[in-house]
Amino acid sequence: MRIYIDTNWFLAFYQSVTEPASVLELLRAHAHRIVLTDQTHLEFYRNRGNLLQAARKKLFESAEPKPWTVSVLKEMDEFKAVARARDQYDAAKRELLGKVDALIANERSDPIAQTFAEVWLKCKALRATDVQIQSARTRKLRGKPPTTNNRNTIGDELIWECLLDLCGEDLAVVSLDSDFLDHAEMLKDEYYRRADRHLLYVGRNLSEALGKFGVRSKELEELERDTDPGNRCRDCGDCRWEPVGTDEKSGLCIFKCGSCGAEILVV
């Protein structure tokens, strides 16, 4: 059995407030159980920088301490202490932005990208040929799930055709993509007919897929609750997410929390 993990699951690390170190270690430890496609590899590296740039923008635009004052307060020691704290905050923020810029520029300083690279080297890597590309185009034209929302790309279609033709083992699919999740039974039937193997799981949680190997991780379960647009918002805890459009710069889909308005980006 192999576990396919979609691009959004990996990219969710860049939008999580949960400490990822132990989860990254878990991924490295179980890389031999994973199957990925070269399309997944392309999507990760194409969107990694976009998400880090979005995080940098939010950090840059975050509220700055600007203490209100009048002349009578300016000479007070307490006000001067507040002003010094503001200057220290500004300096620390500039330093942090510089660290983010370095992270964007150098993948080797990014623990998430390094973990993905290690998983890619150790997993079963499927590389598309013209056969799968043509089949993906046909799937797109027919509107046969899974289909990518973008009219001009065949990402989901190509990933699925690679899994059908090249995986050759029983499979679990971990995806945040509704086109996989909403058509699970159809995909299970097609996988059995085309691959003569069983699609044992289609769901949002890697923790559930790893559970089939007897592996449990509390940290992983918390991360998935934190980053899944089908689960709770990291800011307010609500579970209502709505697609509201496409980010102009990255082309990623924008999901907004129905309660507090927080946004996340999804491939």
C-alpha atoms as a PDB file:
ATOM      1  CA  MET A   1       0.000   0.000   0.000  1.00  0.00           C
ATOM      2  CA  ARG A   2       1.137   3.550  -0.763  1.00  0.00           C
ATOM      3  CA  ILE A   3      -0.118   6.927   0.426  1.00  0.00           C
ATOM      4  CA  TYR A   4      -0.486   9.764  -2.060  1.00  0.00           C
ATOM      5  CA  ILE A   5      -0.377  13.230  -0.435  1.00  0.00           C
ATOM      6  CA  ASP A   6      -1.598  16.150  -2.517  1.00  0.00           C
ATOM      7  CA  THR A   7       0.204  19.455  -2.940  1.00  0.00           C
ATOM      8  CA  ASN A   8      -2.152  21.424  -0.695  1.00  0.00           C
ATOM      9  CA  TRP A   9      -1.355  19.215   2.256  1.00  0.00           C
ATOM     10  CA  PHE A  10       2.358  20.019   2.009  1.00  0.00           C
ATOM     11  CA  LEU A  11       1.725  23.714   1.326  1.00  0.00           C
ATOM     12  CA  ALA A  12      -0.523  23.927   4.397  1.00  0.00           C
ATOM     13  CA  PHE A  13       2.646  24.053   6.535  1.00  0.00           C
ATOM     14  CA  TYR A  14       3.192  27.612   5.259  1.00  0.00           C
ATOM     15  CA  GLN A  15      -0.181  28.713   6.649  1.00  0.00           C
ATOM     16  CA  SER A  16      -0.193  26.824   9.928  1.00  0.00           C
ATOM     17  CA  VAL A  17       0.392  28.204  13.413  1.00  0.00           C
ATOM     18  CA  THR A  18       1.047  24.678  14.730  1.00  0.00           C
ATOM     19  CA  GLU A  19       4.697  23.808  15.404  1.00  0.00           C
ATOM     20  CA  PRO A  20       5.601  21.534  12.459  1.00  0.00           C
ATOM     21  CA  ALA A  21       8.980  20.108  13.549  1.00  0.00           C
ATOM     22  CA  SER A  22       7.711  16.750  14.841  1.00  0.00           C
ATOM     23  CA  VAL A  23       5.349  16.368  11.877  1.00  0.00           C
ATOM     24  CA  LEU A  24       8.181  17.006   9.418  1.00  0.00           C
ATOM     25  CA  GLU A  25      10.187  14.314  11.179  1.00  0.00           C
ATOM     26  CA  LEU A  26       7.223  11.947  10.862  1.00  0.00           C
ATOM     27  CA  LEU A  27       7.044  12.610   7.125  1.00  0.00           C
ATOM     28  CA  ARG A  28      10.726  11.840   6.711  1.00  0.00           C
ATOM     29  CA  ALA A  29      10.364   8.632   8.715  1.00  0.00           C
ATOM     30  CA  HIS A  30       7.505   7.364   6.543  1.00  0.00           C
ATOM     31  CA  ALA A  31       8.668   8.636   3.155  1.00  0.00           C
ATOM     32  CA  HIS A  32       9.050   5.036   1.956  1.00  0.00           C
ATOM     33  CA  ARG A  33       5.272   4.589   2.290  1.00  0.00           C
ATOM     34  CA  ILE A  34       4.492   7.627   0.131  1.00  0.00           C
ATOM     35  CA  VAL A  35       3.919   7.958  -3.618  1.00  0.00           C
ATOM     36  CA  LEU A  36       4.154  11.334  -5.370  1.00  0.00           C
ATOM     37  CA  THR A  37       4.005  12.493  -8.980  1.00  0.00           C
ATOM     38  CA  ASP A  38       6.256  14.913 -10.810  1.00  0.00           C
ATOM     39  CA  GLN A  39       3.207  17.173 -11.161  1.00  0.00           C
ATOM     40  CA  THR A  40       2.971  17.334  -7.350  1.00  0.00           C
ATOM     41  CA  HIS A  41       6.669  18.202  -7.241  1.00  0.00           C
ATOM     42  CA  LEU A  42       6.121  21.009  -9.777  1.00  0.00           C
ATOM     43  CA  GLU A  43       3.107  22.412  -7.931  1.00  0.00           C
ATOM     44  CA  PHE A  44       4.917  22.486  -4.582  1.00  0.00           C
ATOM     45  CA  TYR A  45       7.895  24.468  -5.818  1.00  0.00           C
ATOM     46  CA  ARG A  46       5.758  26.721  -8.010  1.00  0.00           C
ATOM     47  CA  ASN A  47       3.543  27.754  -5.085  1.00  0.00           C
ATOM     48  CA  ARG A  48       5.979  27.676  -2.152  1.00  0.00           C
ATOM     49  CA  GLY A  49       7.343  31.150  -2.900  1.00  0.00           C
ATOM     50  CA  ASN A  50       3.864  32.571  -3.439  1.00  0.00           C
ATOM     51  CA  LEU A  51       2.740  31.469   0.010  1.00  0.00           C
ATOM     52  CA  LEU A  52       5.873  32.808   1.684  1.00  0.00           C
ATOM     53  CA  GLN A  53       5.394  36.128  -0.125  1.00  0.00           C
ATOM     54  CA  ALA A  54       1.789  36.209   1.118  1.00  0.00           C
ATOM     55  CA  ALA A  55       3.004  35.553   4.677  1.00  0.00           C
ATOM     56  CA  ARG A  56       5.600  38.315   4.320  1.00  0.00           C
ATOM     57  CA  LYS A  57       2.945  40.756   3.123  1.00  0.00           C
ATOM     58  CA  LYS A  58       0.715  40.002   6.112  1.00  0.00           C
ATOM     59  CA  LEU A  59       3.661  40.441   8.453  1.00  0.00           C
ATOM     60  CA  PHE A  60       4.618  43.742   6.837  1.00  0.00           C
ATOM     61  CA  GLU A  61       1.055  45.037   7.020  1.00  0.00           C
ATOM     62  CA  SER A  62       0.473  43.892  10.591  1.00  0.00           C
ATOM     63  CA  ALA A  63      -0.374  46.591  13.141  1.00  0.00           C
ATOM     64  CA  GLU A  64       2.508  48.777  14.288  1.00  0.00           C
ATOM     65  CA  PRO A  65       2.625  50.326  17.755  1.00  0.00           C
ATOM     66  CA  LYS A  66       2.092  54.073  17.356  1.00  0.00           C
ATOM     67  CA  PRO A  67       1.432  55.475  20.818  1.00  0.00           C
ATOM     68  CA  TRP A  68      -0.875  58.471  20.894  1.00  0.00           C
ATOM     69  CA  THR A  69       0.538  61.450  22.707  1.00  0.00           C
ATOM     70  CA  VAL A  70       0.305  65.172  23.428  1.00  0.00           C
ATOM     71  CA  SER A  71       3.044  67.558  24.510  1.00  0.00           C
ATOM     72  CA  VAL A  72       2.358  67.127  28.216  1.00  0.00           C
ATOM     73  CA  LEU A  73       3.105  63.402  27.967  1.00  0.00           C
ATOM     74  CA  LYS A  74       6.222  63.481  25.800  1.00  0.00           C
ATOM     75  CA  GLU A  75       8.642  64.290  28.611  1.00  0.00           C
ATOM     76  CA  MET A  76       7.359  61.604  30.931  1.00  0.00           C
ATOM     77  CA  ASP A  77       9.768  58.716  31.532  1.00  0.00           C
ATOM     78  CA  GLU A  78       6.979  56.230  30.952  1.00  0.00           C
ATOM     79  CA  PHE A  79       6.221  57.660  27.505  1.00  0.00           C
ATOM     80  CA  LYS A  80       9.912  57.558  26.610  1.00  0.00           C
ATOM     81  CA  ALA A  81       9.937  53.873  27.636  1.00  0.00           C
ATOM     82  CA  VAL A  82       6.978  53.226  25.327  1.00  0.00           C
ATOM     83  CA  ALA A  83       8.793  55.001  22.472  1.00  0.00           C
ATOM     84  CA  ARG A  84      11.903  52.877  23.032  1.00  0.00           C
ATOM     85  CA  ALA A  85       9.783  49.725  22.987  1.00  0.00           C
ATOM     86  CA  ARG A  86       8.252  50.872  19.691  1.00  0.00           C
ATOM     87  CA  ASP A  87      11.700  51.371  18.172  1.00  0.00           C
ATOM     88  CA  GLN A  88      12.796  47.937  19.368  1.00  0.00           C
ATOM     89  CA  TYR A  89       9.681  46.411  17.841  1.00  0.00           C
ATOM     90  CA  ASP A  90      10.357  48.112  14.502  1.00  0.00           C
ATOM     91  CA  ALA A  91      13.951  46.885  14.481  1.00  0.00           C
ATOM     92  CA  ALA A  92      12.937  43.312  15.318  1.00  0.00           C
ATOM     93  CA  LYS A  93      10.258  43.379  12.638  1.00  0.00           C
ATOM     94  CA  ARG A  94      12.764  44.529   9.999  1.00  0.00           C
ATOM     95  CA  GLU A  95      15.099  41.728  11.034  1.00  0.00           C
ATOM     96  CA  LEU A  96      12.278  39.184  10.802  1.00  0.00           C
ATOM     97  CA  LEU A  97      11.303  40.396   7.331  1.00  0.00           C
ATOM     98  CA  GLY A  98      14.916  39.915   6.300  1.00  0.00           C
ATOM     99  CA  LYS A  99      14.789  36.330   7.562  1.00  0.00           C
ATOM    100  CA  VAL A 100      11.634  35.723   5.528  1.00  0.00           C
ATOM    101  CA  ASP A 101      13.324  37.144   2.428  1.00  0.00           C
ATOM    102  CA  ALA A 102      16.238  34.760   2.974  1.00  0.00           C
ATOM    103  CA  LEU A 103      13.812  31.866   3.356  1.00  0.00           C
ATOM    104  CA  ILE A 104      12.151  32.732   0.055  1.00  0.00           C
ATOM    105  CA  ALA A 105      15.474  33.052  -1.745  1.00  0.00           C
ATOM    106  CA  ASN A 106      17.133  29.930  -0.358  1.00  0.00           C
ATOM    107  CA  GLU A 107      15.206  26.656  -0.240  1.00  0.00           C
ATOM    108  CA  ARG A 108      18.014  25.076   1.771  1.00  0.00           C
ATOM    109  CA  SER A 109      17.167  27.320   4.716  1.00  0.00           C
ATOM    110  CA  ASP A 110      13.505  26.241   4.552  1.00  0.00           C
ATOM    111  CA  PRO A 111      12.827  23.134   6.703  1.00  0.00           C
ATOM    112  CA  ILE A 112       9.525  22.505   4.918  1.00  0.00           C
ATOM    113  CA  ALA A 113      11.104  22.547   1.457  1.00  0.00           C
ATOM    114  CA  GLN A 114      13.971  20.405   2.712  1.00  0.00           C
ATOM    115  CA  THR A 115      11.551  17.830   4.101  1.00  0.00           C
ATOM    116  CA  PHE A 116       9.625  17.761   0.831  1.00  0.00           C
ATOM    117  CA  ALA A 117      12.887  17.258  -1.067  1.00  0.00           C
ATOM    118  CA  GLU A 118      13.858  14.357   1.198  1.00  0.00           C
ATOM    119  CA  VAL A 119      10.436  12.738   0.850  1.00  0.00           C
ATOM    120  CA  TRP A 120      10.689  13.122  -2.938  1.00  0.00           C
ATOM    121  CA  LEU A 121      14.030  11.302  -2.974  1.00  0.00           C
ATOM    122  CA  LYS A 122      12.812   8.424  -0.778  1.00  0.00           C
ATOM    123  CA  CYS A 123       9.226   7.985  -1.971  1.00  0.00           C
ATOM    124  CA  LYS A 124       7.910   6.166  -5.022  1.00  0.00           C
ATOM    125  CA  ALA A 125       8.118   8.966  -7.606  1.00  0.00           C
ATOM    126  CA  LEU A 126       5.847   8.734 -10.674  1.00  0.00           C
ATOM    127  CA  ARG A 127       6.867  10.627 -13.799  1.00  0.00           C
ATOM    128  CA  ALA A 128       4.238  11.392 -16.417  1.00  0.00           C
ATOM    129  CA  THR A 129       4.713  10.367 -20.033  1.00  0.00           C
ATOM    130  CA  ASP A 130       2.864  11.531 -23.127  1.00  0.00           C
ATOM    131  CA  VAL A 131       0.392   8.701 -22.493  1.00  0.00           C
ATOM    132  CA  GLN A 132      -0.740  10.118 -19.134  1.00  0.00           C
ATOM    133  CA  ILE A 133      -0.694  13.685 -20.459  1.00  0.00           C
ATOM    134  CA  GLN A 134      -3.016  12.788 -23.334  1.00  0.00           C
ATOM    135  CA  SER A 135      -5.303  10.818 -21.013  1.00  0.00           C
ATOM    136  CA  ALA A 136      -5.421  13.813 -18.653  1.00  0.00           C
ATOM    137  CA  ARG A 137      -6.425  16.112 -21.521  1.00  0.00           C
ATOM    138  CA  THR A 138      -9.206  13.725 -22.505  1.00  0.00           C
ATOM    139  CA  ARG A 139     -10.380  13.580 -18.882  1.00  0.00           C
ATOM    140  CA  LYS A 140     -10.425  17.382 -18.793  1.00  0.00           C
ATOM    141  CA  LEU A 141     -12.490  17.638 -21.972  1.00  0.00           C
ATOM    142  CA  ARG A 142     -15.002  15.113 -20.664  1.00  0.00           C
ATOM    143  CA  GLY A 143     -15.250  16.759 -17.244  1.00  0.00           C
ATOM    144  CA  LYS A 144     -14.491  13.448 -15.579  1.00  0.00           C
ATOM    145  CA  PRO A 145     -13.360  13.824 -11.953  1.00  0.00           C
ATOM    146  CA  PRO A 146     -10.923  14.769 -10.673  1.00  0.00           C
ATOM    147  CA  THR A 147     -10.737  17.955 -12.712  1.00  0.00           C
ATOM    148  CA  THR A 148      -8.756  21.137 -12.021  1.00  0.00           C
ATOM    149  CA  ASN A 149     -10.792  24.333 -11.584  1.00  0.00           C
ATOM    150  CA  ASN A 150      -8.442  26.273 -13.850  1.00  0.00           C
ATOM    151  CA  ARG A 151      -9.541  25.813 -17.451  1.00  0.00           C
ATOM    152  CA  ASN A 152      -6.003  25.997 -18.775  1.00  0.00           C
ATOM    153  CA  THR A 153      -4.288  23.363 -16.643  1.00  0.00           C
ATOM    154  CA  ILE A 154      -4.632  19.613 -16.118  1.00  0.00           C
ATOM    155  CA  GLY A 155      -2.889  19.214 -12.759  1.00  0.00           C
ATOM    156  CA  ASP A 156      -5.393  17.016 -10.914  1.00  0.00           C
ATOM    157  CA  GLU A 157      -6.179  15.066 -14.050  1.00  0.00           C
ATOM    158  CA  LEU A 158      -2.517  14.301 -14.689  1.00  0.00           C
ATOM    159  CA  ILE A 159      -1.847  13.287 -11.094  1.00  0.00           C
ATOM    160  CA  TRP A 160      -4.753  10.858 -11.152  1.00  0.00           C
ATOM    161  CA  GLU A 161      -3.777   9.357 -14.512  1.00  0.00           C
ATOM    162  CA  CYS A 162      -0.248   8.762 -13.170  1.00  0.00           C
ATOM    163  CA  LEU A 163      -1.642   7.030 -10.089  1.00  0.00           C
ATOM    164  CA  LEU A 164      -3.909   4.863 -12.253  1.00  0.00           C
ATOM    165  CA  ASP A 165      -1.175   3.805 -14.671  1.00  0.00           C
ATOM    166  CA  LEU A 166       2.015   3.836 -12.643  1.00  0.00           C
ATOM    167  CA  CYS A 167       1.384   3.275  -8.926  1.00  0.00           C
ATOM    168  CA  GLY A 168       0.606  -0.444  -9.179  1.00  0.00           C
ATOM    169  CA  GLU A 169      -0.275  -0.865  -5.488  1.00  0.00           C
ATOM    170  CA  ASP A 170      -3.227  -0.456  -3.163  1.00  0.00           C
ATOM    171  CA  LEU A 171      -3.559   3.233  -2.458  1.00  0.00           C
ATOM    172  CA  ALA A 172      -4.696   5.840   0.056  1.00  0.00           C
ATOM    173  CA  VAL A 173      -5.255   9.410  -1.171  1.00  0.00           C
ATOM    174  CA  VAL A 174      -4.843  12.310   1.243  1.00  0.00           C
ATOM    175  CA  SER A 175      -6.233  15.461  -0.321  1.00  0.00           C
ATOM    176  CA  LEU A 176      -7.823  18.788   0.574  1.00  0.00           C
ATOM    177  CA  ASP A 177      -9.236  19.000  -2.959  1.00  0.00           C
ATOM    178  CA  SER A 178     -13.028  18.688  -3.075  1.00  0.00           C
ATOM    179  CA  ASP A 179     -12.905  17.082  -6.498  1.00  0.00           C
ATOM    180  CA  PHE A 180     -11.156  14.075  -4.982  1.00  0.00           C
ATOM    181  CA  LEU A 181     -13.185  14.105  -1.766  1.00  0.00           C
ATOM    182  CA  ASP A 182     -16.613  14.569  -3.382  1.00  0.00           C
ATOM    183  CA  HIS A 183     -16.077  11.766  -5.891  1.00  0.00           C
ATOM    184  CA  ALA A 184     -14.389   9.193  -3.682  1.00  0.00           C
ATOM    185  CA  GLU A 185     -16.639   6.291  -4.662  1.00  0.00           C
ATOM    186  CA  MET A 186     -16.230   7.021  -8.377  1.00  0.00           C
ATOM    187  CA  LEU A 187     -12.459   7.136  -7.977  1.00  0.00           C
ATOM    188  CA  LYS A 188     -12.408   3.882  -5.993  1.00  0.00           C
ATOM    189  CA  ASP A 189     -14.344   2.149  -8.758  1.00  0.00           C
ATOM    190  CA  GLU A 190     -12.095   3.521 -11.503  1.00  0.00           C
ATOM    191  CA  TYR A 191      -8.924   2.614  -9.613  1.00  0.00           C
ATOM    192  CA  TYR A 192     -10.086  -0.976  -9.251  1.00  0.00           C
ATOM    193  CA  ARG A 193     -11.073  -1.245 -12.921  1.00  0.00           C
ATOM    194  CA  ARG A 194      -7.972   0.474 -14.342  1.00  0.00           C
ATOM    195  CA  ALA A 195      -5.260  -0.507 -11.874  1.00  0.00           C
ATOM    196  CA  ASP A 196      -6.718  -3.795 -10.592  1.00  0.00           C
ATOM    197  CA  ARG A 197      -5.924  -2.554  -7.114  1.00  0.00           C
ATOM    198  CA  HIS A 198      -7.919  -1.091  -4.227  1.00  0.00           C
ATOM    199  CA  LEU A 199      -8.244   2.570  -3.320  1.00  0.00           C
ATOM    200  CA  LEU A 200      -8.570   2.077   0.418  1.00  0.00           C
ATOM    201  CA  TYR A 201      -8.907   5.662   1.598  1.00  0.00           C
ATOM    202  CA  VAL A 202      -9.823   9.056   0.184  1.00  0.00           C
ATOM    203  CA  GLY A 203      -9.842  11.757   2.832  1.00  0.00           C
ATOM    204  CA  ARG A 204      -8.343  14.907   4.273  1.00  0.00           C
ATOM    205  CA  ASN A 205      -6.100  13.442   6.941  1.00  0.00           C
ATOM    206  CA  LEU A 206      -2.695  11.846   6.623  1.00  0.00           C
ATOM    207  CA  SER A 207      -3.117  10.792  10.251  1.00  0.00           C
ATOM    208  CA  GLU A 208      -5.981   8.498   9.211  1.00  0.00           C
ATOM    209  CA  ALA A 209      -4.033   7.060   6.280  1.00  0.00           C
ATOM    210  CA  LEU A 210      -0.987   6.366   8.468  1.00  0.00           C
ATOM    211  CA  GLY A 211      -3.344   4.781  10.981  1.00  0.00           C
ATOM    212  CA  LYS A 212      -3.713   1.913   8.520  1.00  0.00           C
ATOM    213  CA  PHE A 213      -0.041   1.177   9.258  1.00  0.00           C
ATOM    214  CA  GLY A 214      -0.627   1.470  13.013  1.00  0.00           C
ATOM    215  CA  VAL A 215       0.998   4.920  13.199  1.00  0.00           C
ATOM    216  CA  ARG A 216      -0.508   7.675  15.378  1.00  0.00           C
ATOM    217  CA  SER A 217       0.665  11.239  15.902  1.00  0.00           C
ATOM    218  CA  LYS A 218      -1.109  13.815  18.076  1.00  0.00           C
ATOM    219  CA  GLU A 219       0.967  16.613  16.515  1.00  0.00           C
ATOM    220  CA  LEU A 220      -0.099  15.567  13.038  1.00  0.00           C
ATOM    221  CA  GLU A 221      -3.762  15.492  14.026  1.00  0.00           C
ATOM    222  CA  GLU A 222      -3.486  19.020  15.455  1.00  0.00           C
ATOM    223  CA  LEU A 223      -1.749  20.309  12.336  1.00  0.00           C
ATOM    224  CA  GLU A 224      -4.486  18.927  10.095  1.00  0.00           C
ATOM    225  CA  ARG A 225      -7.230  20.514  12.184  1.00  0.00           C
ATOM    226  CA  ASP A 226      -5.349  23.820  11.971  1.00  0.00           C
ATOM    227  CA  THR A 227      -4.740  23.962   8.209  1.00  0.00           C
ATOM    228  CA  ASP A 228      -7.666  22.231   6.555  1.00  0.00           C
ATOM    229  CA  PRO A 229     -10.246  24.623   5.012  1.00  0.00           C
ATOM    230  CA  GLY A 230     -12.826  22.002   5.975  1.00  0.00           C
ATOM    231  CA  ASN A 231     -11.854  22.353   9.629  1.00  0.00           C
ATOM    232  CA  ARG A 232     -11.359  25.123  12.165  1.00  0.00           C
ATOM    233  CA  CYS A 233     -10.028  28.595  11.514  1.00  0.00           C
ATOM    234  CA  ARG A 234      -6.709  29.218  13.279  1.00  0.00           C
ATOM    235  CA  ASP A 235      -7.863  32.718  14.325  1.00  0.00           C
ATOM    236  CA  CYS A 236     -11.378  32.155  15.662  1.00  0.00           C
ATOM    237  CA  GLY A 237     -11.961  28.388  15.720  1.00  0.00           C
ATOM    238  CA  ASP A 238     -14.937  28.490  13.336  1.00  0.00           C
ATOM    239  CA  CYS A 239     -15.346  25.794  10.684  1.00  0.00           C
ATOM    240  CA  ARG A 240     -17.142  27.736   7.952  1.00  0.00           C
ATOM    241  CA  TRP A 241     -14.960  28.393   4.914  1.00  0.00           C
ATOM    242  CA  GLU A 242     -16.068  29.838   1.600  1.00  0.00           C
ATOM    243  CA  PRO A 243     -14.179  30.153  -1.701  1.00  0.00           C
ATOM    244  CA  VAL A 244     -14.153  33.875  -2.517  1.00  0.00           C
ATOM    245  CA  GLY A 245     -11.951  34.172  -5.587  1.00  0.00           C
ATOM    246  CA  THR A 246      -8.446  33.794  -6.913  1.00  0.00           C
ATOM    247  CA  ASP A 247      -5.287  35.520  -5.747  1.00  0.00           C
ATOM    248  CA  GLU A 248      -4.132  37.641  -8.696  1.00  0.00           C
ATOM    249  CA  LYS A 249      -0.411  37.205  -8.080  1.00  0.00           C
ATOM    250  CA  SER A 250      -0.229  33.484  -7.329  1.00  0.00           C
ATOM    251  CA  GLY A 251      -3.339  32.149  -9.061  1.00  0.00           C
ATOM    252  CA  LEU A 252      -4.232  30.239  -5.877  1.00  0.00           C
ATOM    253  CA  CYS A 253      -7.833  29.939  -4.676  1.00  0.00           C
ATOM    254  CA  ILE A 254      -8.766  32.152  -1.712  1.00  0.00           C
ATOM    255  CA  PHE A 255     -10.871  30.652   1.085  1.00  0.00           C
ATOM    256  CA  LYS A 256     -12.342  33.030   3.684  1.00  0.00           C
ATOM    257  CA  CYS A 257     -13.526  32.151   7.183  1.00  0.00           C
ATOM    258  CA  GLY A 258     -17.254  32.804   7.450  1.00  0.00           C
ATOM    259  CA  SER A 259     -16.881  34.144  10.980  1.00  0.00           C
ATOM    260  CA  CYS A 260     -13.796  36.357  11.257  1.00  0.00           C
ATOM    261  CA  GLY A 261     -12.829  36.825   7.600  1.00  0.00           C
ATOM    262  CA  ALA A 262      -9.364  35.224   7.866  1.00  0.00           C
ATOM    263  CA  GLU A 263      -8.083  33.983   4.518  1.00  0.00           C
ATOM    264  CA  ILE A 264      -5.955  31.052   3.373  1.00  0.00           C
ATOM    265  CA  LEU A 265      -4.676  30.136  -0.097  1.00  0.00           C
ATOM    266  CA  VAL A 266      -5.335  26.730  -1.644  1.00  0.00           C
ATOM    267  CA  VAL A 267      -4.027  25.209  -4.891  1.00  0.00           C
END
